[in-house]
Amino acid sequence: QILLDWLHLAGNDPWMLAALLAVATLATEDGALVAGSLLVGSDMASSGIVIPALTFGIAAGDVGLYGLGWTARTNSFLRKRLPVKKSRPLRRWLKDRETSVLFFSRFTPGTRLITYVTFGFLRLSLLRFTVVMTLAATVWVSVMVYFVSEIQQAFSEYNTGLAMGIAFGCAVIFIIFIPHALKRLRGQPSLQDAALEDTNA
């Protein structure tokens, strides 16, 4: 609610709103996503501002995790604390899978941190990483914003408070259950599974 209030106050300044949304993703990605969706649904902000801002913030955070992995390669303190022990088996596992692993990690809970850090640790292509994660973030944010805002607007003619409550509930369901459903449908091992197998081997 506090985040939503701050964003509401910045609603009259599109650049300030975009900056706040982007920064907010670094603190609470899901919270910023829900808040931005509700602002669009309430006609307090344009999707043309909200979607690019959220996408930029999320993609920047992903690149930051990639950078953490990259730095850990030459930093003994970080290297000992990362779940990346055997780089050669992981490189072999990732051959011909880099793009799909990256893209689907955005929608699969519990895989993002280890995936992004591992790609940096293995010094895999930063350009590929940035392009794929930006595309994945764009898809994720766009679907979320339009889904929640359309539901909110559909119920707003009856009661504004009720519409926001229903939209918020749908956003929570979307964030929690949709990724888990996609993970089941995908039915393929993740980078996390491969890392655990190599560590236990």
N, C-alpha and C. Protein backbone atom coordinates (compact mmCIF):
# COMPACT_ATOMS: atom_id res chain seq x y z
N GLN A 1 0.82 -1.20 0.00
CA GLN A 1 0.00 0.00 0.00
C GLN A 1 0.86 1.26 0.00
N ILE A 2 1.94 1.25 0.76
CA ILE A 2 2.84 2.40 0.81
C ILE A 2 3.45 2.65 -0.57
N LEU A 3 3.88 1.55 -1.21
CA LEU A 3 4.45 1.67 -2.55
C LEU A 3 3.43 2.25 -3.52
N LEU A 4 2.19 1.80 -3.44
CA LEU A 4 1.13 2.29 -4.32
C LEU A 4 0.87 3.76 -4.09
N ASP A 5 0.91 4.20 -2.82
CA ASP A 5 0.70 5.62 -2.49
C ASP A 5 1.80 6.49 -3.09
N TRP A 6 3.04 6.04 -2.96
CA TRP A 6 4.17 6.80 -3.52
C TRP A 6 4.03 6.92 -5.04
N LEU A 7 3.68 5.83 -5.67
CA LEU A 7 3.53 5.84 -7.13
C LEU A 7 2.37 6.72 -7.56
N HIS A 8 1.32 6.72 -6.76
CA HIS A 8 0.16 7.57 -7.05
C HIS A 8 0.56 9.04 -7.02
N LEU A 9 1.35 9.41 -6.02
CA LEU A 9 1.80 10.80 -5.88
C LEU A 9 2.65 11.22 -7.07
N ALA A 10 3.39 10.26 -7.63
CA ALA A 10 4.26 10.56 -8.77
C ALA A 10 3.53 10.45 -10.10
N GLY A 11 2.25 10.16 -10.05
CA GLY A 11 1.49 9.92 -11.27
C GLY A 11 1.44 11.09 -12.22
N ASN A 12 1.56 12.31 -11.70
CA ASN A 12 1.51 13.49 -12.56
C ASN A 12 2.82 13.75 -13.29
N ASP A 13 3.87 13.04 -12.89
CA ASP A 13 5.17 13.19 -13.53
C ASP A 13 5.58 11.83 -14.08
N PRO A 14 5.36 11.60 -15.38
CA PRO A 14 5.64 10.29 -15.98
C PRO A 14 7.06 9.80 -15.76
N TRP A 15 8.04 10.71 -15.84
CA TRP A 15 9.43 10.32 -15.67
C TRP A 15 9.71 9.89 -14.24
N MET A 16 9.13 10.62 -13.29
CA MET A 16 9.30 10.26 -11.88
C MET A 16 8.64 8.91 -11.59
N LEU A 17 7.45 8.71 -12.15
CA LEU A 17 6.74 7.45 -11.96
C LEU A 17 7.55 6.29 -12.52
N ALA A 18 8.08 6.48 -13.73
CA ALA A 18 8.87 5.42 -14.37
C ALA A 18 10.10 5.09 -13.53
N ALA A 19 10.76 6.14 -13.01
CA ALA A 19 11.96 5.91 -12.20
C ALA A 19 11.62 5.17 -10.91
N LEU A 20 10.52 5.55 -10.26
CA LEU A 20 10.12 4.89 -9.02
C LEU A 20 9.76 3.43 -9.26
N LEU A 21 9.07 3.14 -10.33
CA LEU A 21 8.70 1.77 -10.65
C LEU A 21 9.94 0.92 -10.91
N ALA A 22 10.87 1.47 -11.67
CA ALA A 22 12.10 0.73 -12.00
C ALA A 22 12.90 0.43 -10.73
N VAL A 23 13.06 1.43 -9.88
CA VAL A 23 13.81 1.24 -8.63
C VAL A 23 13.08 0.28 -7.69
N ALA A 24 11.75 0.37 -7.68
CA ALA A 24 10.95 -0.48 -6.78
C ALA A 24 11.12 -1.95 -7.12
N THR A 25 11.37 -2.28 -8.38
CA THR A 25 11.55 -3.69 -8.75
C THR A 25 12.78 -4.28 -8.07
N LEU A 26 13.76 -3.45 -7.75
CA LEU A 26 14.97 -3.95 -7.10
C LEU A 26 14.71 -4.30 -5.64
N ALA A 27 13.71 -3.65 -5.05
CA ALA A 27 13.37 -3.93 -3.66
C ALA A 27 12.32 -5.03 -3.56
N THR A 28 11.29 -4.94 -4.37
CA THR A 28 10.23 -5.95 -4.39
C THR A 28 9.66 -6.05 -5.79
N GLU A 29 10.17 -7.00 -6.53
CA GLU A 29 9.77 -7.14 -7.94
C GLU A 29 8.27 -7.39 -8.07
N ASP A 30 7.75 -8.32 -7.29
CA ASP A 30 6.33 -8.64 -7.37
C ASP A 30 5.47 -7.47 -6.91
N GLY A 31 5.91 -6.79 -5.85
CA GLY A 31 5.16 -5.64 -5.35
C GLY A 31 5.07 -4.52 -6.36
N ALA A 32 6.19 -4.24 -7.03
CA ALA A 32 6.21 -3.20 -8.05
C ALA A 32 5.32 -3.59 -9.23
N LEU A 33 5.34 -4.86 -9.57
CA LEU A 33 4.54 -5.35 -10.70
C LEU A 33 3.05 -5.22 -10.39
N VAL A 34 2.66 -5.59 -9.19
CA VAL A 34 1.25 -5.47 -8.79
C VAL A 34 0.83 -4.01 -8.74
N ALA A 35 1.67 -3.17 -8.12
CA ALA A 35 1.36 -1.75 -8.00
C ALA A 35 1.21 -1.09 -9.37
N GLY A 36 2.13 -1.39 -10.27
CA GLY A 36 2.06 -0.82 -11.61
C GLY A 36 0.80 -1.26 -12.35
N SER A 37 0.44 -2.54 -12.18
CA SER A 37 -0.76 -3.06 -12.84
C SER A 37 -2.01 -2.38 -12.31
N LEU A 38 -2.07 -2.15 -11.00
CA LEU A 38 -3.22 -1.48 -10.40
C LEU A 38 -3.32 -0.03 -10.83
N LEU A 39 -2.18 0.62 -11.01
CA LEU A 39 -2.19 2.01 -11.48
C LEU A 39 -2.76 2.10 -12.89
N VAL A 40 -2.39 1.15 -13.73
CA VAL A 40 -2.91 1.13 -15.10
C VAL A 40 -4.40 0.83 -15.08
N GLY A 41 -4.81 -0.12 -14.25
CA GLY A 41 -6.22 -0.47 -14.14
C GLY A 41 -7.07 0.65 -13.60
N SER A 42 -6.47 1.54 -12.80
CA SER A 42 -7.19 2.69 -12.24
C SER A 42 -7.11 3.92 -13.12
N ASP A 43 -6.47 3.78 -14.28
CA ASP A 43 -6.26 4.91 -15.20
C ASP A 43 -5.42 6.02 -14.58
N MET A 44 -4.58 5.65 -13.61
CA MET A 44 -3.69 6.62 -12.99
C MET A 44 -2.34 6.68 -13.71
N ALA A 45 -2.10 5.71 -14.57
CA ALA A 45 -0.85 5.67 -15.32
C ALA A 45 -1.08 4.95 -16.63
N SER A 46 -0.24 5.25 -17.59
CA SER A 46 -0.35 4.62 -18.91
C SER A 46 0.49 3.35 -18.97
N SER A 47 -0.04 2.35 -19.64
CA SER A 47 0.72 1.11 -19.80
C SER A 47 2.00 1.38 -20.59
N GLY A 48 1.99 2.42 -21.43
CA GLY A 48 3.17 2.78 -22.20
C GLY A 48 4.31 3.29 -21.34
N ILE A 49 4.00 3.68 -20.11
CA ILE A 49 5.02 4.11 -19.15
C ILE A 49 5.35 2.97 -18.20
N VAL A 50 4.32 2.31 -17.70
CA VAL A 50 4.48 1.29 -16.67
C VAL A 50 5.25 0.08 -17.19
N ILE A 51 4.87 -0.44 -18.35
CA ILE A 51 5.50 -1.66 -18.86
C ILE A 51 6.99 -1.48 -19.14
N PRO A 52 7.40 -0.42 -19.86
CA PRO A 52 8.84 -0.24 -20.09
C PRO A 52 9.62 -0.02 -18.80
N ALA A 53 9.03 0.72 -17.84
CA ALA A 53 9.73 1.00 -16.59
C ALA A 53 9.95 -0.29 -15.79
N LEU A 54 8.90 -1.09 -15.67
CA LEU A 54 9.02 -2.35 -14.93
C LEU A 54 9.98 -3.31 -15.63
N THR A 55 9.87 -3.36 -16.96
CA THR A 55 10.76 -4.23 -17.73
C THR A 55 12.22 -3.85 -17.54
N PHE A 56 12.49 -2.55 -17.61
CA PHE A 56 13.86 -2.07 -17.43
C PHE A 56 14.38 -2.42 -16.04
N GLY A 57 13.57 -2.18 -15.01
CA GLY A 57 13.99 -2.46 -13.64
C GLY A 57 14.27 -3.93 -13.42
N ILE A 58 13.39 -4.79 -13.92
CA ILE A 58 13.55 -6.24 -13.74
C ILE A 58 14.78 -6.74 -14.49
N ALA A 59 14.93 -6.31 -15.75
CA ALA A 59 16.08 -6.73 -16.55
C ALA A 59 17.39 -6.24 -15.94
N ALA A 60 17.37 -5.02 -15.40
CA ALA A 60 18.58 -4.48 -14.76
C ALA A 60 18.95 -5.31 -13.52
N GLY A 61 17.95 -5.72 -12.76
CA GLY A 61 18.21 -6.57 -11.60
C GLY A 61 18.79 -7.91 -12.01
N ASP A 62 18.28 -8.46 -13.11
CA ASP A 62 18.80 -9.74 -13.61
C ASP A 62 20.27 -9.61 -14.02
N VAL A 63 20.58 -8.53 -14.72
CA VAL A 63 21.96 -8.29 -15.14
C VAL A 63 22.86 -8.10 -13.91
N GLY A 64 22.30 -7.50 -12.87
CA GLY A 64 23.06 -7.34 -11.63
C GLY A 64 23.46 -8.68 -11.03
N LEU A 65 22.54 -9.65 -11.07
CA LEU A 65 22.85 -11.00 -10.57
C LEU A 65 23.89 -11.68 -11.46
N TYR A 66 23.79 -11.44 -12.75
CA TYR A 66 24.80 -11.94 -13.68
C TYR A 66 26.17 -11.37 -13.29
N GLY A 67 26.19 -10.07 -12.99
CA GLY A 67 27.44 -9.42 -12.59
C GLY A 67 27.99 -9.98 -11.29
N LEU A 68 27.11 -10.36 -10.37
CA LEU A 68 27.54 -10.98 -9.12
C LEU A 68 28.27 -12.29 -9.40
N GLY A 69 27.70 -13.09 -10.31
CA GLY A 69 28.35 -14.34 -10.67
C GLY A 69 29.68 -14.12 -11.35
N TRP A 70 29.73 -13.12 -12.22
CA TRP A 70 30.97 -12.78 -12.93
C TRP A 70 32.06 -12.40 -11.93
N THR A 71 31.70 -11.56 -10.96
CA THR A 71 32.65 -11.11 -9.94
C THR A 71 33.13 -12.26 -9.07
N ALA A 72 32.21 -13.19 -8.77
CA ALA A 72 32.54 -14.30 -7.89
C ALA A 72 33.61 -15.20 -8.48
N ARG A 73 33.77 -15.18 -9.79
CA ARG A 73 34.76 -16.04 -10.46
C ARG A 73 36.18 -15.73 -9.96
N THR A 74 36.42 -14.47 -9.60
CA THR A 74 37.75 -14.07 -9.14
C THR A 74 37.76 -13.61 -7.69
N ASN A 75 36.64 -13.85 -7.00
CA ASN A 75 36.53 -13.44 -5.59
C ASN A 75 36.29 -14.69 -4.74
N SER A 76 37.29 -15.08 -3.97
CA SER A 76 37.19 -16.32 -3.21
C SER A 76 36.07 -16.29 -2.19
N PHE A 77 35.81 -15.11 -1.60
CA PHE A 77 34.75 -14.99 -0.60
C PHE A 77 33.39 -15.30 -1.21
N LEU A 78 33.11 -14.71 -2.37
CA LEU A 78 31.84 -14.95 -3.04
C LEU A 78 31.77 -16.35 -3.64
N ARG A 79 32.89 -16.81 -4.19
CA ARG A 79 32.90 -18.12 -4.86
C ARG A 79 32.51 -19.24 -3.90
N LYS A 80 32.95 -19.15 -2.65
CA LYS A 80 32.65 -20.19 -1.66
C LYS A 80 31.18 -20.20 -1.26
N ARG A 81 30.49 -19.09 -1.50
CA ARG A 81 29.11 -18.96 -1.05
C ARG A 81 28.08 -19.14 -2.17
N LEU A 82 28.55 -19.38 -3.36
CA LEU A 82 27.62 -19.57 -4.48
C LEU A 82 27.43 -21.05 -4.77
N PRO A 83 26.18 -21.42 -5.16
CA PRO A 83 25.89 -22.83 -5.45
C PRO A 83 26.37 -23.26 -6.83
N VAL A 84 27.56 -22.82 -7.21
CA VAL A 84 28.13 -23.19 -8.51
C VAL A 84 29.50 -23.81 -8.22
N LYS A 85 29.56 -25.12 -8.22
CA LYS A 85 30.79 -25.80 -7.81
C LYS A 85 31.60 -26.35 -8.98
N LYS A 86 30.91 -26.91 -9.96
CA LYS A 86 31.61 -27.56 -11.07
C LYS A 86 31.20 -26.90 -12.39
N SER A 87 32.09 -26.07 -12.92
CA SER A 87 31.72 -25.28 -14.10
C SER A 87 31.69 -26.11 -15.38
N ARG A 88 32.59 -27.07 -15.54
CA ARG A 88 32.64 -27.83 -16.79
C ARG A 88 31.37 -28.65 -17.03
N PRO A 89 30.87 -29.42 -16.04
CA PRO A 89 29.62 -30.16 -16.27
C PRO A 89 28.44 -29.24 -16.59
N LEU A 90 28.41 -28.06 -15.96
CA LEU A 90 27.32 -27.12 -16.21
C LEU A 90 27.41 -26.54 -17.62
N ARG A 91 28.63 -26.28 -18.05
CA ARG A 91 28.81 -25.79 -19.42
C ARG A 91 28.32 -26.82 -20.44
N ARG A 92 28.64 -28.08 -20.19
CA ARG A 92 28.19 -29.14 -21.10
C ARG A 92 26.67 -29.25 -21.09
N TRP A 93 26.10 -29.13 -19.90
CA TRP A 93 24.64 -29.23 -19.77
C TRP A 93 23.95 -28.09 -20.49
N LEU A 94 24.57 -26.91 -20.47
CA LEU A 94 23.97 -25.73 -21.07
C LEU A 94 24.13 -25.66 -22.59
N LYS A 95 24.98 -26.50 -23.16
CA LYS A 95 25.20 -26.44 -24.59
C LYS A 95 23.89 -26.63 -25.34
N ASP A 96 23.59 -25.70 -26.21
CA ASP A 96 22.35 -25.70 -27.01
C ASP A 96 21.09 -25.46 -26.18
N ARG A 97 21.24 -25.07 -24.90
CA ARG A 97 20.07 -24.83 -24.05
C ARG A 97 20.06 -23.41 -23.46
N GLU A 98 21.09 -22.64 -23.75
CA GLU A 98 21.24 -21.35 -23.07
C GLU A 98 20.00 -20.48 -23.16
N THR A 99 19.50 -20.28 -24.38
CA THR A 99 18.37 -19.37 -24.57
C THR A 99 17.11 -19.87 -23.88
N SER A 100 16.80 -21.15 -24.03
CA SER A 100 15.58 -21.68 -23.43
C SER A 100 15.67 -21.69 -21.91
N VAL A 101 16.83 -22.02 -21.36
CA VAL A 101 17.01 -22.02 -19.91
C VAL A 101 16.82 -20.62 -19.35
N LEU A 102 17.41 -19.64 -20.00
CA LEU A 102 17.28 -18.25 -19.56
C LEU A 102 15.83 -17.78 -19.64
N PHE A 103 15.20 -18.01 -20.79
CA PHE A 103 13.84 -17.49 -21.00
C PHE A 103 12.87 -18.08 -19.98
N PHE A 104 12.89 -19.40 -19.83
CA PHE A 104 11.92 -20.04 -18.95
C PHE A 104 12.22 -19.83 -17.47
N SER A 105 13.46 -19.46 -17.15
CA SER A 105 13.78 -19.19 -15.74
C SER A 105 12.99 -17.99 -15.22
N ARG A 106 12.65 -17.06 -16.10
CA ARG A 106 11.86 -15.89 -15.71
C ARG A 106 10.49 -16.30 -15.20
N PHE A 107 9.95 -17.41 -15.70
CA PHE A 107 8.60 -17.83 -15.34
C PHE A 107 8.59 -19.03 -14.39
N THR A 108 9.77 -19.49 -13.99
CA THR A 108 9.85 -20.67 -13.14
C THR A 108 10.36 -20.29 -11.75
N PRO A 109 9.55 -20.44 -10.72
CA PRO A 109 9.97 -20.06 -9.36
C PRO A 109 11.12 -20.90 -8.86
N GLY A 110 12.01 -20.27 -8.10
CA GLY A 110 13.10 -20.99 -7.48
C GLY A 110 14.30 -21.23 -8.37
N THR A 111 14.27 -20.72 -9.60
CA THR A 111 15.39 -20.98 -10.53
C THR A 111 16.12 -19.70 -10.94
N ARG A 112 15.56 -18.56 -10.66
CA ARG A 112 16.14 -17.32 -11.20
C ARG A 112 17.52 -17.02 -10.64
N LEU A 113 17.65 -17.03 -9.32
CA LEU A 113 18.93 -16.65 -8.71
C LEU A 113 20.07 -17.52 -9.20
N ILE A 114 19.91 -18.83 -9.08
CA ILE A 114 21.01 -19.72 -9.47
C ILE A 114 21.29 -19.65 -10.97
N THR A 115 20.25 -19.45 -11.77
CA THR A 115 20.44 -19.37 -13.22
C THR A 115 21.24 -18.13 -13.60
N TYR A 116 20.83 -16.98 -13.11
CA TYR A 116 21.48 -15.73 -13.50
C TYR A 116 22.92 -15.66 -12.97
N VAL A 117 23.11 -16.08 -11.72
CA VAL A 117 24.45 -16.08 -11.14
C VAL A 117 25.36 -17.06 -11.87
N THR A 118 24.82 -18.21 -12.21
CA THR A 118 25.62 -19.22 -12.91
C THR A 118 26.06 -18.73 -14.28
N PHE A 119 25.18 -18.07 -15.01
CA PHE A 119 25.56 -17.55 -16.32
C PHE A 119 26.69 -16.54 -16.20
N GLY A 120 26.67 -15.74 -15.16
CA GLY A 120 27.76 -14.80 -14.95
C GLY A 120 29.03 -15.50 -14.52
N PHE A 121 28.89 -16.48 -13.64
CA PHE A 121 30.05 -17.22 -13.14
C PHE A 121 30.77 -17.95 -14.27
N LEU A 122 30.00 -18.49 -15.21
CA LEU A 122 30.58 -19.21 -16.34
C LEU A 122 31.04 -18.28 -17.45
N ARG A 123 30.81 -16.98 -17.25
CA ARG A 123 31.20 -15.97 -18.23
C ARG A 123 30.56 -16.23 -19.59
N LEU A 124 29.30 -16.64 -19.58
CA LEU A 124 28.57 -16.84 -20.83
C LEU A 124 28.17 -15.47 -21.39
N SER A 125 27.75 -15.44 -22.63
CA SER A 125 27.52 -14.19 -23.35
C SER A 125 26.59 -13.22 -22.59
N LEU A 126 27.15 -12.06 -22.25
CA LEU A 126 26.34 -11.03 -21.59
C LEU A 126 25.30 -10.47 -22.55
N LEU A 127 25.66 -10.35 -23.84
CA LEU A 127 24.71 -9.83 -24.83
C LEU A 127 23.50 -10.76 -24.94
N ARG A 128 23.74 -12.06 -25.05
CA ARG A 128 22.64 -13.02 -25.13
C ARG A 128 21.80 -12.96 -23.86
N PHE A 129 22.47 -12.91 -22.73
CA PHE A 129 21.77 -12.85 -21.45
C PHE A 129 20.85 -11.64 -21.39
N THR A 130 21.38 -10.47 -21.74
CA THR A 130 20.61 -9.23 -21.66
C THR A 130 19.43 -9.24 -22.61
N VAL A 131 19.64 -9.68 -23.84
CA VAL A 131 18.57 -9.71 -24.84
C VAL A 131 17.46 -10.67 -24.42
N VAL A 132 17.83 -11.88 -24.03
CA VAL A 132 16.83 -12.89 -23.67
C VAL A 132 16.07 -12.48 -22.42
N MET A 133 16.76 -11.97 -21.41
CA MET A 133 16.08 -11.60 -20.17
C MET A 133 15.21 -10.37 -20.35
N THR A 134 15.61 -9.46 -21.23
CA THR A 134 14.76 -8.30 -21.52
C THR A 134 13.49 -8.74 -22.24
N LEU A 135 13.62 -9.67 -23.18
CA LEU A 135 12.46 -10.21 -23.89
C LEU A 135 11.53 -10.94 -22.92
N ALA A 136 12.10 -11.78 -22.07
CA ALA A 136 11.30 -12.53 -21.11
C ALA A 136 10.59 -11.59 -20.13
N ALA A 137 11.30 -10.57 -19.67
CA ALA A 137 10.70 -9.61 -18.74
C ALA A 137 9.57 -8.83 -19.42
N THR A 138 9.75 -8.50 -20.68
CA THR A 138 8.71 -7.78 -21.43
C THR A 138 7.44 -8.62 -21.52
N VAL A 139 7.60 -9.90 -21.82
CA VAL A 139 6.44 -10.80 -21.91
C VAL A 139 5.76 -10.91 -20.56
N TRP A 140 6.54 -11.17 -19.52
CA TRP A 140 6.01 -11.35 -18.16
C TRP A 140 5.27 -10.10 -17.69
N VAL A 141 5.89 -8.94 -17.84
CA VAL A 141 5.30 -7.69 -17.37
C VAL A 141 4.05 -7.34 -18.18
N SER A 142 4.12 -7.48 -19.50
CA SER A 142 2.99 -7.12 -20.35
C SER A 142 1.76 -7.96 -20.05
N VAL A 143 1.95 -9.26 -19.93
CA VAL A 143 0.82 -10.16 -19.63
C VAL A 143 0.23 -9.82 -18.28
N MET A 144 1.08 -9.59 -17.29
CA MET A 144 0.62 -9.28 -15.94
C MET A 144 -0.17 -7.97 -15.91
N VAL A 145 0.41 -6.92 -16.49
CA VAL A 145 -0.23 -5.59 -16.45
C VAL A 145 -1.58 -5.61 -17.16
N TYR A 146 -1.63 -6.17 -18.35
CA TYR A 146 -2.89 -6.19 -19.10
C TYR A 146 -3.92 -7.11 -18.44
N PHE A 147 -3.49 -8.22 -17.91
CA PHE A 147 -4.39 -9.16 -17.24
C PHE A 147 -5.05 -8.51 -16.03
N VAL A 148 -4.24 -7.93 -15.15
CA VAL A 148 -4.75 -7.33 -13.92
C VAL A 148 -5.56 -6.06 -14.22
N SER A 149 -5.06 -5.21 -15.09
CA SER A 149 -5.76 -3.95 -15.37
C SER A 149 -7.10 -4.18 -16.05
N GLU A 150 -7.18 -5.18 -16.93
CA GLU A 150 -8.45 -5.48 -17.59
C GLU A 150 -9.49 -5.98 -16.59
N ILE A 151 -9.06 -6.81 -15.66
CA ILE A 151 -9.98 -7.30 -14.62
C ILE A 151 -10.44 -6.15 -13.74
N GLN A 152 -9.51 -5.29 -13.37
CA GLN A 152 -9.86 -4.15 -12.53
C GLN A 152 -10.86 -3.22 -13.23
N GLN A 153 -10.64 -2.95 -14.49
CA GLN A 153 -11.54 -2.06 -15.22
C GLN A 153 -12.90 -2.71 -15.44
N ALA A 154 -12.93 -4.02 -15.58
CA ALA A 154 -14.20 -4.73 -15.79
C ALA A 154 -15.12 -4.61 -14.58
N PHE A 155 -14.54 -4.56 -13.38
CA PHE A 155 -15.35 -4.48 -12.16
C PHE A 155 -15.49 -3.05 -11.63
N SER A 156 -14.75 -2.10 -12.21
CA SER A 156 -14.75 -0.74 -11.67
C SER A 156 -16.10 -0.05 -11.79
N GLU A 157 -16.92 -0.45 -12.76
CA GLU A 157 -18.23 0.19 -12.92
C GLU A 157 -19.18 -0.17 -11.79
N TYR A 158 -18.87 -1.23 -11.06
CA TYR A 158 -19.71 -1.62 -9.93
C TYR A 158 -19.24 -0.98 -8.63
N ASN A 159 -17.92 -1.11 -8.37
CA ASN A 159 -17.37 -0.55 -7.13
C ASN A 159 -15.85 -0.47 -7.29
N THR A 160 -15.31 0.73 -7.11
CA THR A 160 -13.87 0.94 -7.33
C THR A 160 -13.03 0.14 -6.34
N GLY A 161 -13.43 0.17 -5.06
CA GLY A 161 -12.68 -0.58 -4.05
C GLY A 161 -12.73 -2.07 -4.29
N LEU A 162 -13.92 -2.55 -4.66
CA LEU A 162 -14.07 -3.97 -4.94
C LEU A 162 -13.23 -4.37 -6.16
N ALA A 163 -13.23 -3.51 -7.17
CA ALA A 163 -12.46 -3.79 -8.38
C ALA A 163 -10.98 -3.91 -8.07
N MET A 164 -10.46 -3.00 -7.24
CA MET A 164 -9.04 -3.05 -6.89
C MET A 164 -8.74 -4.30 -6.07
N GLY A 165 -9.65 -4.66 -5.17
CA GLY A 165 -9.45 -5.86 -4.35
C GLY A 165 -9.42 -7.12 -5.20
N ILE A 166 -10.35 -7.23 -6.13
CA ILE A 166 -10.39 -8.40 -7.02
C ILE A 166 -9.14 -8.44 -7.89
N ALA A 167 -8.75 -7.29 -8.41
CA ALA A 167 -7.56 -7.23 -9.27
C ALA A 167 -6.32 -7.62 -8.48
N PHE A 168 -6.25 -7.16 -7.24
CA PHE A 168 -5.10 -7.50 -6.39
C PHE A 168 -5.05 -9.01 -6.15
N GLY A 169 -6.20 -9.59 -5.84
CA GLY A 169 -6.27 -11.03 -5.62
C GLY A 169 -5.85 -11.81 -6.85
N CYS A 170 -6.30 -11.36 -8.02
CA CYS A 170 -5.94 -12.02 -9.27
C CYS A 170 -4.43 -11.89 -9.53
N ALA A 171 -3.87 -10.74 -9.16
CA ALA A 171 -2.43 -10.54 -9.36
C ALA A 171 -1.63 -11.52 -8.50
N VAL A 172 -2.06 -11.69 -7.26
CA VAL A 172 -1.37 -12.62 -6.36
C VAL A 172 -1.45 -14.05 -6.89
N ILE A 173 -2.65 -14.42 -7.35
CA ILE A 173 -2.83 -15.77 -7.92
C ILE A 173 -1.95 -15.94 -9.15
N PHE A 174 -1.91 -14.91 -9.98
CA PHE A 174 -1.10 -14.95 -11.20
C PHE A 174 0.37 -15.17 -10.87
N ILE A 175 0.87 -14.42 -9.89
CA ILE A 175 2.29 -14.47 -9.54
C ILE A 175 2.66 -15.80 -8.89
N ILE A 176 1.75 -16.33 -8.07
CA ILE A 176 2.07 -17.55 -7.31
C ILE A 176 1.81 -18.82 -8.10
N PHE A 177 0.64 -18.91 -8.72
CA PHE A 177 0.22 -20.18 -9.31
C PHE A 177 0.60 -20.37 -10.77
N ILE A 178 0.57 -19.31 -11.56
CA ILE A 178 0.89 -19.45 -12.98
C ILE A 178 2.31 -19.99 -13.21
N PRO A 179 3.35 -19.43 -12.53
CA PRO A 179 4.69 -19.98 -12.72
C PRO A 179 4.79 -21.46 -12.34
N HIS A 180 4.12 -21.84 -11.25
CA HIS A 180 4.17 -23.25 -10.84
C HIS A 180 3.48 -24.14 -11.88
N ALA A 181 2.39 -23.64 -12.45
CA ALA A 181 1.69 -24.41 -13.48
C ALA A 181 2.57 -24.55 -14.72
N LEU A 182 3.26 -23.48 -15.09
CA LEU A 182 4.14 -23.53 -16.25
C LEU A 182 5.31 -24.49 -16.02
N LYS A 183 5.79 -24.52 -14.77
CA LYS A 183 6.89 -25.42 -14.44
C LYS A 183 6.46 -26.87 -14.63
N ARG A 184 5.23 -27.19 -14.22
CA ARG A 184 4.73 -28.55 -14.38
C ARG A 184 4.52 -28.90 -15.85
N LEU A 185 3.98 -27.95 -16.60
CA LEU A 185 3.72 -28.20 -18.01
C LEU A 185 5.02 -28.37 -18.79
N ARG A 186 6.02 -27.62 -18.39
CA ARG A 186 7.29 -27.69 -19.10
C ARG A 186 7.92 -29.07 -18.92
N GLY A 187 7.96 -29.55 -17.68
CA GLY A 187 8.42 -30.90 -17.40
C GLY A 187 9.85 -31.18 -17.78
N GLN A 188 10.70 -30.12 -17.81
CA GLN A 188 12.11 -30.31 -18.16
C GLN A 188 12.98 -29.94 -16.98
N PRO A 189 14.17 -30.56 -16.86
CA PRO A 189 15.05 -30.22 -15.75
C PRO A 189 15.56 -28.79 -15.87
N SER A 190 15.77 -28.14 -14.77
CA SER A 190 16.25 -26.77 -14.76
C SER A 190 17.74 -26.75 -14.50
N LEU A 191 18.33 -25.57 -14.62
CA LEU A 191 19.74 -25.41 -14.32
C LEU A 191 20.01 -25.76 -12.86
N GLN A 192 19.05 -25.46 -11.99
CA GLN A 192 19.19 -25.79 -10.58
C GLN A 192 19.30 -27.30 -10.40
N ASP A 193 18.49 -28.06 -11.11
CA ASP A 193 18.56 -29.52 -11.03
C ASP A 193 19.92 -30.02 -11.48
N ALA A 194 20.42 -29.46 -12.57
CA ALA A 194 21.72 -29.87 -13.09
C ALA A 194 22.84 -29.55 -12.11
N ALA A 195 22.76 -28.38 -11.48
CA ALA A 195 23.78 -27.97 -10.52
C ALA A 195 23.79 -28.89 -9.31
N LEU A 196 22.59 -29.24 -8.84
CA LEU A 196 22.48 -30.12 -7.69
C LEU A 196 23.02 -31.50 -8.01
N GLU A 197 22.73 -31.98 -9.21
CA GLU A 197 23.21 -33.30 -9.61
C GLU A 197 24.74 -33.32 -9.66
N ASP A 198 25.32 -32.26 -10.20
CA ASP A 198 26.77 -32.21 -10.32
C ASP A 198 27.43 -32.06 -8.96
N THR A 199 26.77 -31.34 -8.05
CA THR A 199 27.32 -31.14 -6.73
C THR A 199 27.29 -32.45 -5.94
N ASN A 200 26.24 -33.23 -6.14
CA ASN A 200 26.09 -34.48 -5.41
C ASN A 200 26.88 -35.63 -6.02
N ALA A 201 27.32 -35.41 -7.25
CA ALA A 201 28.03 -36.49 -7.96
C ALA A 201 29.41 -36.76 -7.34
